[in-house]
Structure formats: structure tokens, C-alpha cells
N, C-alpha and C. Protein backbone atom coordinates (compact mmCIF):
# COMPACT_ATOMS: atom_id res chain seq x y z
N MET A 1 -2.53 10.96 5.67
CA MET A 1 -2.03 10.03 4.46
C MET A 1 -2.78 10.14 3.45
N GLY A 2 -4.16 10.34 3.57
CA GLY A 2 -5.23 10.35 2.43
C GLY A 2 -4.95 11.52 1.59
N ARG A 3 -4.47 12.68 2.24
CA ARG A 3 -4.33 13.98 1.57
C ARG A 3 -3.25 13.81 0.59
N ILE A 4 -2.21 12.84 0.90
CA ILE A 4 -0.95 12.81 0.15
C ILE A 4 -1.35 12.11 -1.05
N ALA A 5 -2.01 10.81 -0.82
CA ALA A 5 -2.55 10.11 -2.02
C ALA A 5 -3.43 11.02 -3.20
N LEU A 6 -4.19 11.94 -2.48
CA LEU A 6 -5.11 12.78 -3.21
C LEU A 6 -4.17 13.66 -4.13
N ALA A 7 -3.25 14.37 -3.34
CA ALA A 7 -2.25 15.32 -3.99
C ALA A 7 -1.61 14.78 -5.10
N ILE A 8 -1.05 13.57 -4.96
CA ILE A 8 -0.47 12.84 -6.00
C ILE A 8 -1.20 12.43 -7.08
N SER A 9 -2.46 12.06 -6.73
CA SER A 9 -3.20 11.68 -7.91
C SER A 9 -3.79 12.95 -8.63
N SER A 10 -4.01 14.07 -8.00
CA SER A 10 -4.44 15.24 -8.59
C SER A 10 -3.34 15.78 -9.48
N PHE A 11 -2.00 15.66 -8.91
CA PHE A 11 -0.99 16.23 -9.69
C PHE A 11 -0.97 15.71 -10.93
N PHE A 12 -1.06 14.14 -11.17
CA PHE A 12 -1.04 13.57 -12.56
C PHE A 12 -2.32 13.85 -13.31
N ALA A 13 -3.43 13.93 -12.54
CA ALA A 13 -4.63 14.36 -13.36
C ALA A 13 -4.63 15.72 -13.96
N ILE A 14 -3.88 16.74 -13.29
CA ILE A 14 -3.72 18.16 -13.85
C ILE A 14 -2.80 18.11 -15.01
N ILE A 15 -1.74 17.34 -14.97
CA ILE A 15 -0.84 17.13 -16.05
C ILE A 15 -1.53 16.53 -17.28
N ALA A 16 -2.20 15.41 -17.09
CA ALA A 16 -2.87 14.79 -18.08
C ALA A 16 -4.32 15.28 -18.62
N GLN A 17 -5.02 16.03 -17.86
CA GLN A 17 -6.42 16.40 -18.24
C GLN A 17 -6.45 17.89 -18.14
N PRO A 18 -6.54 18.58 -19.41
CA PRO A 18 -6.49 20.07 -19.36
C PRO A 18 -7.78 20.57 -18.79
N ASP A 19 -8.93 20.08 -19.03
CA ASP A 19 -10.18 20.53 -18.37
C ASP A 19 -10.18 20.38 -16.86
N PHE A 20 -9.70 19.33 -16.30
CA PHE A 20 -9.46 19.14 -14.81
C PHE A 20 -8.47 20.17 -14.28
N ALA A 21 -7.42 20.42 -15.02
CA ALA A 21 -6.34 21.56 -14.67
C ALA A 21 -7.07 22.89 -14.44
N ALA A 22 -7.88 23.26 -15.45
CA ALA A 22 -8.48 24.40 -15.48
C ALA A 22 -9.57 24.54 -14.34
N SER A 23 -10.23 23.53 -13.96
CA SER A 23 -11.23 23.42 -12.89
C SER A 23 -10.46 23.71 -11.65
N VAL A 24 -9.15 23.03 -11.48
CA VAL A 24 -8.40 23.03 -10.27
C VAL A 24 -7.88 24.63 -10.03
N ALA A 25 -7.50 25.21 -11.16
CA ALA A 25 -7.18 26.61 -11.14
C ALA A 25 -8.21 27.53 -10.69
N GLN A 26 -9.46 27.49 -11.16
CA GLN A 26 -10.55 28.13 -10.62
C GLN A 26 -10.79 28.01 -9.32
N LEU A 27 -10.79 26.92 -8.82
CA LEU A 27 -11.12 26.58 -7.39
C LEU A 27 -9.95 27.27 -6.59
N ARG A 28 -8.89 27.15 -7.00
CA ARG A 28 -7.61 27.83 -6.31
C ARG A 28 -7.88 29.55 -6.14
N ASP A 29 -8.27 29.86 -7.31
CA ASP A 29 -8.69 31.25 -7.42
C ASP A 29 -10.07 31.77 -6.92
N GLY A 30 -10.61 30.85 -6.24
CA GLY A 30 -11.82 31.14 -5.46
C GLY A 30 -13.04 31.56 -6.34
N VAL A 31 -12.90 30.97 -7.58
CA VAL A 31 -14.23 30.85 -8.56
C VAL A 31 -15.03 29.78 -8.23
N PRO A 32 -16.21 29.93 -7.76
CA PRO A 32 -17.08 28.77 -7.50
C PRO A 32 -17.25 28.01 -8.66
N ALA A 33 -17.39 26.52 -8.30
CA ALA A 33 -17.49 25.52 -9.42
C ALA A 33 -19.03 25.87 -10.16
N PRO A 34 -18.91 25.63 -11.57
CA PRO A 34 -20.15 25.78 -12.34
C PRO A 34 -21.11 24.74 -11.89
N ALA A 35 -22.37 25.02 -12.00
CA ALA A 35 -23.36 24.00 -11.99
C ALA A 35 -23.28 22.85 -12.74
N PRO A 36 -23.33 21.55 -12.37
CA PRO A 36 -23.29 20.32 -13.40
C PRO A 36 -24.12 20.55 -14.56
N VAL A 37 -23.70 20.31 -15.79
CA VAL A 37 -24.48 20.54 -17.06
C VAL A 37 -24.87 19.10 -17.28
N PRO A 38 -26.23 18.77 -17.64
CA PRO A 38 -26.82 17.53 -17.83
C PRO A 38 -26.03 16.95 -19.03
N PRO A 39 -25.62 15.64 -19.15
CA PRO A 39 -24.97 14.98 -20.11
C PRO A 39 -25.61 14.96 -21.56
N ALA A 40 -25.10 15.34 -22.62
CA ALA A 40 -25.54 15.09 -23.97
C ALA A 40 -26.00 13.59 -24.03
N ALA A 41 -26.77 13.42 -25.17
CA ALA A 41 -27.08 12.06 -25.68
C ALA A 41 -25.75 11.20 -25.78
N PRO A 42 -25.68 10.07 -25.28
CA PRO A 42 -24.35 9.23 -25.44
C PRO A 42 -24.08 8.89 -26.98
N ALA A 43 -22.99 9.13 -27.19
CA ALA A 43 -22.40 8.79 -28.65
C ALA A 43 -22.06 7.36 -28.58
N PRO A 44 -22.13 6.72 -29.77
CA PRO A 44 -21.63 5.27 -29.79
C PRO A 44 -20.11 5.12 -29.33
N VAL A 45 -19.92 4.25 -28.58
CA VAL A 45 -18.58 4.04 -28.02
C VAL A 45 -18.04 2.85 -28.61
N ALA A 46 -16.80 2.82 -29.14
CA ALA A 46 -16.03 1.85 -29.75
C ALA A 46 -15.51 0.74 -28.85
N ALA A 47 -15.20 1.10 -27.89
CA ALA A 47 -14.71 0.04 -26.82
C ALA A 47 -15.07 0.48 -25.38
N PRO A 48 -15.59 -0.31 -24.53
CA PRO A 48 -15.93 0.16 -23.11
C PRO A 48 -14.67 0.81 -22.31
N VAL A 49 -15.11 1.75 -21.69
CA VAL A 49 -14.12 2.43 -20.82
C VAL A 49 -14.04 1.78 -19.57
N PRO A 50 -12.79 1.41 -18.97
CA PRO A 50 -12.92 1.01 -17.67
C PRO A 50 -13.13 1.92 -16.71
N THR A 51 -14.00 1.58 -15.47
CA THR A 51 -14.28 2.33 -14.48
C THR A 51 -12.98 2.91 -13.69
N PRO A 52 -12.65 4.13 -13.49
CA PRO A 52 -11.64 4.49 -12.54
C PRO A 52 -11.84 4.04 -11.29
N PRO A 53 -10.56 3.74 -10.55
CA PRO A 53 -10.60 3.21 -9.36
C PRO A 53 -11.02 4.41 -8.31
N VAL A 54 -11.86 3.87 -7.13
CA VAL A 54 -12.12 4.73 -6.25
C VAL A 54 -11.10 4.85 -5.08
N TRP A 55 -10.35 5.74 -4.82
CA TRP A 55 -9.36 5.88 -3.88
C TRP A 55 -9.99 6.04 -2.47
N GLN A 56 -9.30 5.37 -1.50
CA GLN A 56 -9.72 5.21 -0.24
C GLN A 56 -8.58 5.60 0.58
N ALA A 57 -8.70 6.42 1.71
CA ALA A 57 -7.89 6.76 2.53
C ALA A 57 -7.29 5.57 3.36
N PRO A 58 -6.03 5.45 3.56
CA PRO A 58 -5.53 4.46 4.27
C PRO A 58 -5.91 4.52 5.83
N PRO A 59 -6.01 3.48 6.54
CA PRO A 59 -6.34 3.84 8.07
C PRO A 59 -5.12 4.06 8.75
N GLU A 60 -4.83 5.27 8.77
CA GLU A 60 -3.56 5.87 9.25
C GLU A 60 -3.32 5.30 10.83
N THR A 61 -4.35 5.36 11.50
CA THR A 61 -4.08 4.78 12.96
C THR A 61 -3.62 3.37 12.92
N ALA A 62 -4.03 2.60 12.21
CA ALA A 62 -3.76 1.09 12.29
C ALA A 62 -2.13 0.93 11.74
N ALA A 63 -1.87 1.74 10.57
CA ALA A 63 -0.59 1.85 10.10
C ALA A 63 0.49 2.16 11.29
N LEU A 64 0.10 3.35 12.03
CA LEU A 64 1.02 3.78 12.98
C LEU A 64 1.06 3.02 14.24
N GLN A 65 -0.14 2.13 14.42
CA GLN A 65 -0.02 1.30 15.56
C GLN A 65 0.78 0.06 15.23
N LEU A 66 0.96 -0.53 13.91
CA LEU A 66 1.59 -1.53 13.48
C LEU A 66 3.31 -1.04 13.66
N LEU A 67 3.48 0.23 13.14
CA LEU A 67 4.78 0.71 13.27
C LEU A 67 5.27 0.69 14.68
N GLY A 68 4.29 1.15 15.71
CA GLY A 68 4.58 1.08 17.05
C GLY A 68 4.83 -0.25 17.54
N LEU A 69 4.17 -1.26 17.22
CA LEU A 69 4.30 -2.58 17.66
C LEU A 69 5.59 -3.33 17.16
N LEU A 70 5.94 -2.79 15.89
CA LEU A 70 7.45 -3.25 15.33
C LEU A 70 8.54 -2.48 16.12
N GLN A 71 8.26 -1.32 16.56
CA GLN A 71 9.32 -0.58 17.43
C GLN A 71 9.43 -1.21 18.69
N ARG A 72 8.46 -1.58 19.25
CA ARG A 72 8.35 -1.94 20.72
C ARG A 72 9.02 -3.41 20.82
N GLU A 73 8.66 -4.43 19.71
CA GLU A 73 9.02 -5.60 19.89
C GLU A 73 10.40 -5.97 19.07
N ALA A 74 10.81 -4.94 18.11
CA ALA A 74 11.95 -5.31 17.30
C ALA A 74 12.78 -4.08 17.06
N ARG A 75 12.55 -3.04 17.69
CA ARG A 75 13.22 -1.88 17.55
C ARG A 75 13.48 -1.60 16.15
N PHE A 76 12.53 -1.80 15.27
CA PHE A 76 12.43 -1.66 13.95
C PHE A 76 12.59 -0.04 13.57
N VAL A 77 12.18 0.84 13.90
CA VAL A 77 12.43 2.14 13.79
C VAL A 77 13.99 2.46 13.99
N ASP A 78 14.45 2.17 15.16
CA ASP A 78 15.67 2.37 15.55
C ASP A 78 16.68 1.74 14.51
N PHE A 79 16.53 0.56 14.14
CA PHE A 79 17.42 -0.15 13.10
C PHE A 79 17.43 0.58 11.95
N VAL A 80 16.17 0.92 11.25
CA VAL A 80 16.11 1.40 10.06
C VAL A 80 16.80 3.06 10.07
N GLU A 81 16.54 3.75 11.11
CA GLU A 81 16.96 4.94 11.09
C GLU A 81 18.45 5.03 11.47
N GLN A 82 19.06 4.16 11.87
CA GLN A 82 20.54 4.06 12.23
C GLN A 82 21.21 3.98 11.02
N ASP A 83 22.44 4.93 10.88
CA ASP A 83 23.36 4.96 9.98
C ASP A 83 24.29 3.76 10.05
N VAL A 84 24.22 2.52 9.35
CA VAL A 84 25.08 1.45 9.44
C VAL A 84 26.28 1.38 8.70
N ALA A 85 26.67 2.46 8.02
CA ALA A 85 27.73 2.47 7.12
C ALA A 85 28.95 2.17 8.05
N ALA A 86 28.91 2.73 9.25
CA ALA A 86 30.21 2.49 10.32
C ALA A 86 30.39 1.27 10.80
N PHE A 87 29.15 0.21 10.66
CA PHE A 87 29.29 -0.99 11.48
C PHE A 87 29.83 -2.17 10.58
N SER A 88 30.24 -3.18 11.07
CA SER A 88 30.69 -4.38 10.26
C SER A 88 29.55 -5.25 9.72
N ASP A 89 29.73 -6.03 8.88
CA ASP A 89 28.61 -6.78 8.51
C ASP A 89 28.20 -7.77 9.62
N ALA A 90 29.08 -8.16 10.27
CA ALA A 90 28.68 -9.11 11.57
C ALA A 90 27.90 -8.36 12.47
N ASP A 91 28.22 -7.01 12.94
CA ASP A 91 27.41 -6.31 13.69
C ASP A 91 26.03 -5.99 13.00
N ILE A 92 25.90 -5.75 11.82
CA ILE A 92 24.60 -5.52 11.08
C ILE A 92 23.78 -6.88 11.09
N GLY A 93 24.65 -7.94 10.72
CA GLY A 93 23.81 -9.23 10.84
C GLY A 93 23.23 -9.54 12.25
N GLY A 94 24.12 -9.28 13.30
CA GLY A 94 23.63 -9.49 14.54
C GLY A 94 22.23 -8.88 15.06
N ALA A 95 22.31 -7.56 14.67
CA ALA A 95 21.23 -6.77 14.91
C ALA A 95 20.20 -7.09 14.11
N ALA A 96 20.30 -7.57 12.71
CA ALA A 96 19.24 -7.96 11.99
C ALA A 96 18.55 -9.18 12.51
N ARG A 97 19.29 -10.08 13.05
CA ARG A 97 18.57 -11.27 13.79
C ARG A 97 17.46 -10.71 14.77
N VAL A 98 17.97 -9.76 15.52
CA VAL A 98 17.12 -9.40 16.78
C VAL A 98 15.70 -8.65 16.09
N VAL A 99 16.04 -7.75 15.02
CA VAL A 99 14.96 -7.08 14.31
C VAL A 99 13.94 -8.29 13.57
N HIS A 100 14.68 -9.15 12.98
CA HIS A 100 13.92 -10.13 12.15
C HIS A 100 13.05 -10.88 13.24
N GLU A 101 13.56 -11.19 14.45
CA GLU A 101 12.78 -12.24 15.50
C GLU A 101 11.57 -11.32 16.01
N GLY A 102 11.90 -10.10 16.25
CA GLY A 102 10.84 -9.25 16.90
C GLY A 102 9.76 -8.87 15.82
N CYS A 103 10.14 -8.67 14.58
CA CYS A 103 9.04 -8.32 13.47
C CYS A 103 8.37 -9.91 13.19
N ARG A 104 8.96 -10.74 13.13
CA ARG A 104 8.15 -12.01 13.01
C ARG A 104 7.17 -12.20 14.24
N LYS A 105 7.64 -11.97 15.33
CA LYS A 105 6.64 -12.14 16.44
C LYS A 105 5.51 -11.18 16.38
N VAL A 106 5.79 -10.10 15.93
CA VAL A 106 4.51 -8.93 15.69
C VAL A 106 3.59 -9.55 14.75
N LEU A 107 4.12 -9.78 13.61
CA LEU A 107 3.28 -10.39 12.52
C LEU A 107 2.49 -11.68 12.95
N ARG A 108 3.06 -12.59 13.60
CA ARG A 108 2.46 -13.80 13.97
C ARG A 108 1.38 -13.83 14.95
N GLU A 109 1.67 -12.71 16.04
CA GLU A 109 0.84 -12.31 17.10
C GLU A 109 -0.46 -11.57 16.62
N HIS A 110 -0.32 -10.65 15.50
CA HIS A 110 -1.38 -9.81 15.31
C HIS A 110 -1.98 -9.98 13.88
N PHE A 111 -1.46 -10.99 13.12
CA PHE A 111 -2.03 -11.23 11.72
C PHE A 111 -1.99 -12.60 11.51
N THR A 112 -2.94 -13.12 10.68
CA THR A 112 -2.96 -14.36 10.11
C THR A 112 -2.54 -14.11 8.55
N ILE A 113 -1.44 -14.68 8.26
CA ILE A 113 -1.05 -14.40 6.80
C ILE A 113 -0.81 -15.75 6.14
N ALA A 114 -1.38 -15.77 4.94
CA ALA A 114 -1.21 -17.07 3.99
C ALA A 114 -0.87 -16.44 2.67
N THR A 115 -0.23 -17.56 1.95
CA THR A 115 -0.07 -17.28 0.50
C THR A 115 -1.14 -16.96 -0.19
N VAL A 116 -0.98 -16.26 -1.30
CA VAL A 116 -2.04 -15.88 -2.29
C VAL A 116 -2.38 -17.15 -3.18
N ARG A 117 -1.29 -17.74 -3.63
CA ARG A 117 -1.26 -18.96 -4.61
C ARG A 117 -0.46 -20.07 -3.79
N THR A 118 -1.22 -21.29 -3.94
CA THR A 118 -0.73 -22.38 -3.18
C THR A 118 0.24 -23.09 -3.96
N GLU A 119 0.41 -23.19 -5.28
CA GLU A 119 1.38 -23.79 -6.11
C GLU A 119 2.84 -23.37 -5.70
N ALA A 120 3.66 -24.25 -5.83
CA ALA A 120 5.03 -23.98 -5.50
C ALA A 120 5.76 -22.96 -6.39
N GLU A 121 6.49 -22.12 -5.86
CA GLU A 121 7.35 -21.23 -6.69
C GLU A 121 8.09 -21.95 -7.81
N GLY A 122 7.96 -21.45 -9.08
CA GLY A 122 8.87 -22.09 -10.10
C GLY A 122 8.00 -23.02 -10.90
N SER A 123 6.79 -23.18 -10.47
CA SER A 123 5.78 -24.19 -11.29
C SER A 123 4.92 -23.19 -12.46
N ARG A 124 4.53 -24.12 -13.32
CA ARG A 124 3.69 -23.47 -14.42
C ARG A 124 2.21 -23.32 -14.15
N ILE A 125 1.77 -22.08 -14.16
CA ILE A 125 0.24 -22.11 -13.89
C ILE A 125 -0.36 -21.22 -14.98
N THR A 126 -1.66 -21.30 -14.98
CA THR A 126 -2.50 -20.64 -16.03
C THR A 126 -3.44 -19.75 -15.46
N LEU A 127 -3.43 -18.31 -15.73
CA LEU A 127 -4.37 -17.54 -15.25
C LEU A 127 -5.49 -17.33 -15.99
N PRO A 128 -6.92 -17.66 -15.80
CA PRO A 128 -7.91 -17.67 -16.62
C PRO A 128 -8.44 -16.14 -16.83
N ALA A 129 -9.32 -16.00 -17.60
CA ALA A 129 -9.94 -14.59 -17.95
C ALA A 129 -10.64 -14.38 -16.49
N GLY A 130 -10.57 -13.12 -16.25
CA GLY A 130 -11.35 -12.68 -14.84
C GLY A 130 -10.48 -12.98 -13.77
N PHE A 131 -9.27 -13.26 -13.92
CA PHE A 131 -8.38 -13.64 -12.69
C PHE A 131 -8.32 -12.34 -11.78
N ASP A 132 -7.91 -12.60 -10.48
CA ASP A 132 -8.01 -11.35 -9.61
C ASP A 132 -6.70 -10.52 -9.63
N ALA A 133 -6.70 -9.26 -10.58
CA ALA A 133 -5.54 -8.53 -10.83
C ALA A 133 -4.91 -7.95 -9.56
N ALA A 134 -5.84 -7.74 -8.59
CA ALA A 134 -5.16 -7.23 -7.26
C ALA A 134 -4.33 -8.25 -6.49
N ALA A 135 -4.60 -9.55 -6.77
CA ALA A 135 -3.93 -10.62 -6.01
C ALA A 135 -2.75 -11.24 -6.72
N VAL A 136 -2.85 -10.99 -8.20
CA VAL A 136 -1.87 -11.66 -8.94
C VAL A 136 -1.39 -10.55 -9.95
N ARG A 137 -0.07 -10.21 -9.85
CA ARG A 137 0.73 -9.27 -10.80
C ARG A 137 1.22 -9.92 -12.11
N VAL A 138 0.84 -9.56 -13.18
CA VAL A 138 1.42 -10.41 -14.38
C VAL A 138 2.61 -9.59 -14.79
N THR A 139 3.83 -10.05 -15.00
CA THR A 139 5.08 -9.25 -15.59
C THR A 139 5.54 -10.05 -16.62
N GLY A 140 6.49 -9.41 -17.15
CA GLY A 140 7.38 -10.08 -18.64
C GLY A 140 6.60 -9.49 -19.79
N ASN A 141 6.63 -10.30 -20.42
CA ASN A 141 5.97 -9.99 -22.01
C ASN A 141 4.41 -10.21 -22.05
N VAL A 142 3.78 -9.17 -21.40
CA VAL A 142 2.24 -9.41 -21.27
C VAL A 142 1.50 -8.80 -22.62
N VAL A 143 1.12 -9.68 -23.40
CA VAL A 143 0.43 -9.43 -24.74
C VAL A 143 -0.65 -10.11 -24.86
N GLY A 144 -1.88 -9.52 -25.25
CA GLY A 144 -3.07 -10.09 -25.42
C GLY A 144 -3.83 -10.34 -24.19
N GLN A 145 -5.07 -11.09 -24.39
CA GLN A 145 -6.04 -11.28 -23.27
C GLN A 145 -5.76 -12.51 -22.56
N PRO A 146 -6.17 -12.76 -21.42
CA PRO A 146 -6.23 -13.96 -20.66
C PRO A 146 -6.90 -15.06 -21.45
N PRO A 147 -6.67 -16.23 -21.20
CA PRO A 147 -5.72 -16.97 -20.19
C PRO A 147 -4.44 -16.61 -20.50
N PHE A 148 -3.54 -16.42 -19.38
CA PHE A 148 -1.86 -16.24 -19.57
C PHE A 148 -1.50 -17.55 -18.96
N ALA A 149 -0.35 -18.21 -19.62
CA ALA A 149 0.39 -19.18 -19.01
C ALA A 149 1.75 -18.79 -18.57
N GLY A 150 2.17 -18.75 -17.37
CA GLY A 150 3.46 -18.44 -16.97
C GLY A 150 4.02 -19.28 -15.82
N THR A 151 5.25 -18.88 -15.21
CA THR A 151 5.80 -19.40 -14.14
C THR A 151 5.58 -18.51 -12.90
N LEU A 152 5.19 -19.23 -11.76
CA LEU A 152 4.97 -18.59 -10.57
C LEU A 152 6.30 -18.11 -9.86
N VAL A 153 6.65 -16.88 -9.77
CA VAL A 153 7.96 -16.45 -9.31
C VAL A 153 7.70 -16.17 -7.81
N HIS A 154 6.51 -15.60 -7.30
CA HIS A 154 6.28 -15.56 -6.02
C HIS A 154 4.91 -15.68 -5.69
N GLN A 155 4.67 -16.55 -4.46
CA GLN A 155 3.27 -17.02 -4.34
C GLN A 155 2.44 -15.69 -3.55
N GLY A 156 3.06 -14.59 -3.20
CA GLY A 156 2.33 -13.58 -2.46
C GLY A 156 1.89 -13.90 -1.26
N TRP A 157 1.30 -12.78 -0.67
CA TRP A 157 1.03 -12.96 0.69
C TRP A 157 -0.52 -12.02 0.95
N ARG A 158 -1.27 -12.64 1.75
CA ARG A 158 -2.52 -12.17 2.00
C ARG A 158 -2.98 -12.18 3.48
N VAL A 159 -3.44 -11.12 4.20
CA VAL A 159 -3.60 -11.09 5.36
C VAL A 159 -5.18 -11.69 5.54
N SER A 160 -5.52 -12.56 6.31
CA SER A 160 -6.81 -13.23 6.49
C SER A 160 -7.44 -12.81 7.76
N ASP A 161 -6.60 -12.30 8.58
CA ASP A 161 -7.16 -11.75 9.85
C ASP A 161 -6.27 -11.04 10.46
N SER A 162 -6.63 -9.88 11.02
CA SER A 162 -5.64 -8.89 11.91
C SER A 162 -6.27 -8.80 13.18
N ARG A 163 -5.37 -8.68 14.14
CA ARG A 163 -5.72 -8.61 15.63
C ARG A 163 -5.03 -7.39 16.32
N LEU A 164 -5.09 -6.26 15.76
CA LEU A 164 -4.46 -5.29 16.43
C LEU A 164 -5.10 -4.73 17.69
N PRO A 165 -4.34 -4.43 18.77
CA PRO A 165 -5.21 -4.08 20.00
C PRO A 165 -5.97 -2.84 20.06
N GLN A 166 -7.02 -2.65 20.69
CA GLN A 166 -7.82 -1.68 21.05
C GLN A 166 -6.74 -0.56 21.45
N LEU A 167 -7.28 0.74 21.06
CA LEU A 167 -6.47 1.77 21.60
C LEU A 167 -7.49 2.47 22.58
N ALA A 168 -6.91 3.10 23.48
CA ALA A 168 -7.68 3.84 24.55
C ALA A 168 -7.94 5.19 23.67
N GLN A 169 -9.01 5.86 24.18
CA GLN A 169 -9.63 7.17 23.58
C GLN A 169 -8.47 8.19 24.10
N GLY A 170 -8.12 8.90 23.15
CA GLY A 170 -7.16 10.06 23.22
C GLY A 170 -5.66 9.34 23.06
N HIS A 171 -5.42 8.10 22.76
CA HIS A 171 -4.11 7.64 22.59
C HIS A 171 -3.47 8.33 21.24
N ASP A 172 -2.30 8.77 21.40
CA ASP A 172 -1.62 9.31 20.28
C ASP A 172 -0.85 8.37 19.68
N ALA A 173 -1.37 7.62 18.50
CA ALA A 173 -0.69 6.62 17.88
C ALA A 173 0.50 7.05 17.05
N SER A 174 0.64 8.36 16.85
CA SER A 174 1.92 8.91 16.13
C SER A 174 3.11 8.79 16.88
N VAL A 175 2.84 8.63 18.39
CA VAL A 175 4.05 8.43 19.10
C VAL A 175 4.37 6.91 18.94
N LEU A 176 5.33 6.61 18.35
CA LEU A 176 5.79 5.15 18.05
C LEU A 176 6.37 4.55 19.27
N ALA A 177 7.19 5.27 20.04
CA ALA A 177 7.92 5.07 21.05
C ALA A 177 8.16 6.28 21.97
N PRO A 178 7.81 6.21 23.21
CA PRO A 178 7.97 7.49 23.94
C PRO A 178 9.57 7.66 24.23
N ALA A 179 9.92 8.87 24.33
CA ALA A 179 11.36 9.31 24.71
C ALA A 179 11.48 8.48 26.02
N GLU A 180 12.65 8.27 26.43
CA GLU A 180 12.89 7.75 27.79
C GLU A 180 13.99 8.58 28.55
N VAL A 181 13.64 8.70 29.67
CA VAL A 181 14.50 9.69 30.54
C VAL A 181 14.78 8.92 31.88
N GLU A 182 16.14 8.63 32.04
CA GLU A 182 16.39 7.94 33.06
C GLU A 182 16.75 8.83 34.36
N LEU A 183 16.22 8.49 35.49
CA LEU A 183 16.53 9.52 36.56
C LEU A 183 17.54 8.84 37.58
């Protein structure tokens, strides 16, 4: 999964940065990368440049394990992979209740989840300068600098504890549900 994120970010970097694109082309053609050149004396900068984010690979095994738990308790993958066009709304609703109940059981058993914001949805709030942009997404007509005053549309969700089961060594987490053969 980490390679997919790397490929996508590299794709956009190649389009936006000609020097980066040239470096990738050289690597692809087998030309060794040049030795790093010491930086020249820094020129005065008009505005600070934000530090680019450091990308980290997602924990693939944990994601597959969660998907396996959702399949075992809620038949989640079966439900999502099923073509529901031929079923009535009542049939889909009945199946959705079973899937919902199982998914809820998995979340409550393996995670402690709380809201990001404690204010009631629809209430007016003010986001001060330095607010956590990873925990709060500002939408609408975003102009200027914080503090921002707006209406809380969704409280958000945050995991404060996860309790995924330990996996035995050699366990293949990519098998979400084994095939069943009745004899």
C-alpha cells in the first residue's frame, strides 16, 4: 500500500517539478544519481516555506485485519461486493441492519472512539490560530488567517485506543475470509 501512495505522489511531483521529472527519468534509464551539491548561500526569503509532509506507509496488516474482522462479524465484504440492483429496498434494508450491527460490534470491541469536538453540531465555534488542521477541516469561504468563526457541521471522530488481536506468526492477513467447502 505504501508503494501506491509513493507512486501517486511521485506522479504529481513529476508533473509539477521539471527537475524532479528529469531525475526520475535518469534513474529509470540507469544513470546513477549525481553526488549532492552543497547548497549555495541562502537568499533572502519573502515568506516562510511550509515544510512538506513526511509520508508514512500505512500499517497494511492492521487494515487487512480490520477488514477481516468486519467480514467475520458483519459479512461486510460480501455485502459491498454483492450487486444489489436486483434486490428490493426492503431486502437491502434488512441486510444493512445485519451489516450495521456487526460493524458496530467490531468497532466497539476493538476501538475506543470519541468525537473530536464536544460542542453540539450546529453550534457556533471559533477556531483559534494554531488549531489542529488534521483534526478540524475548515470548509466554505475560507479567507484570511485564524481565528475562524463558523458552524460545527460534524463533530468528527478520533480513535483513542485500538485493541486489534495479536496475529500468529505466518498468519496471512490478506485472507479476509477463507473459502468454505462443505463435505
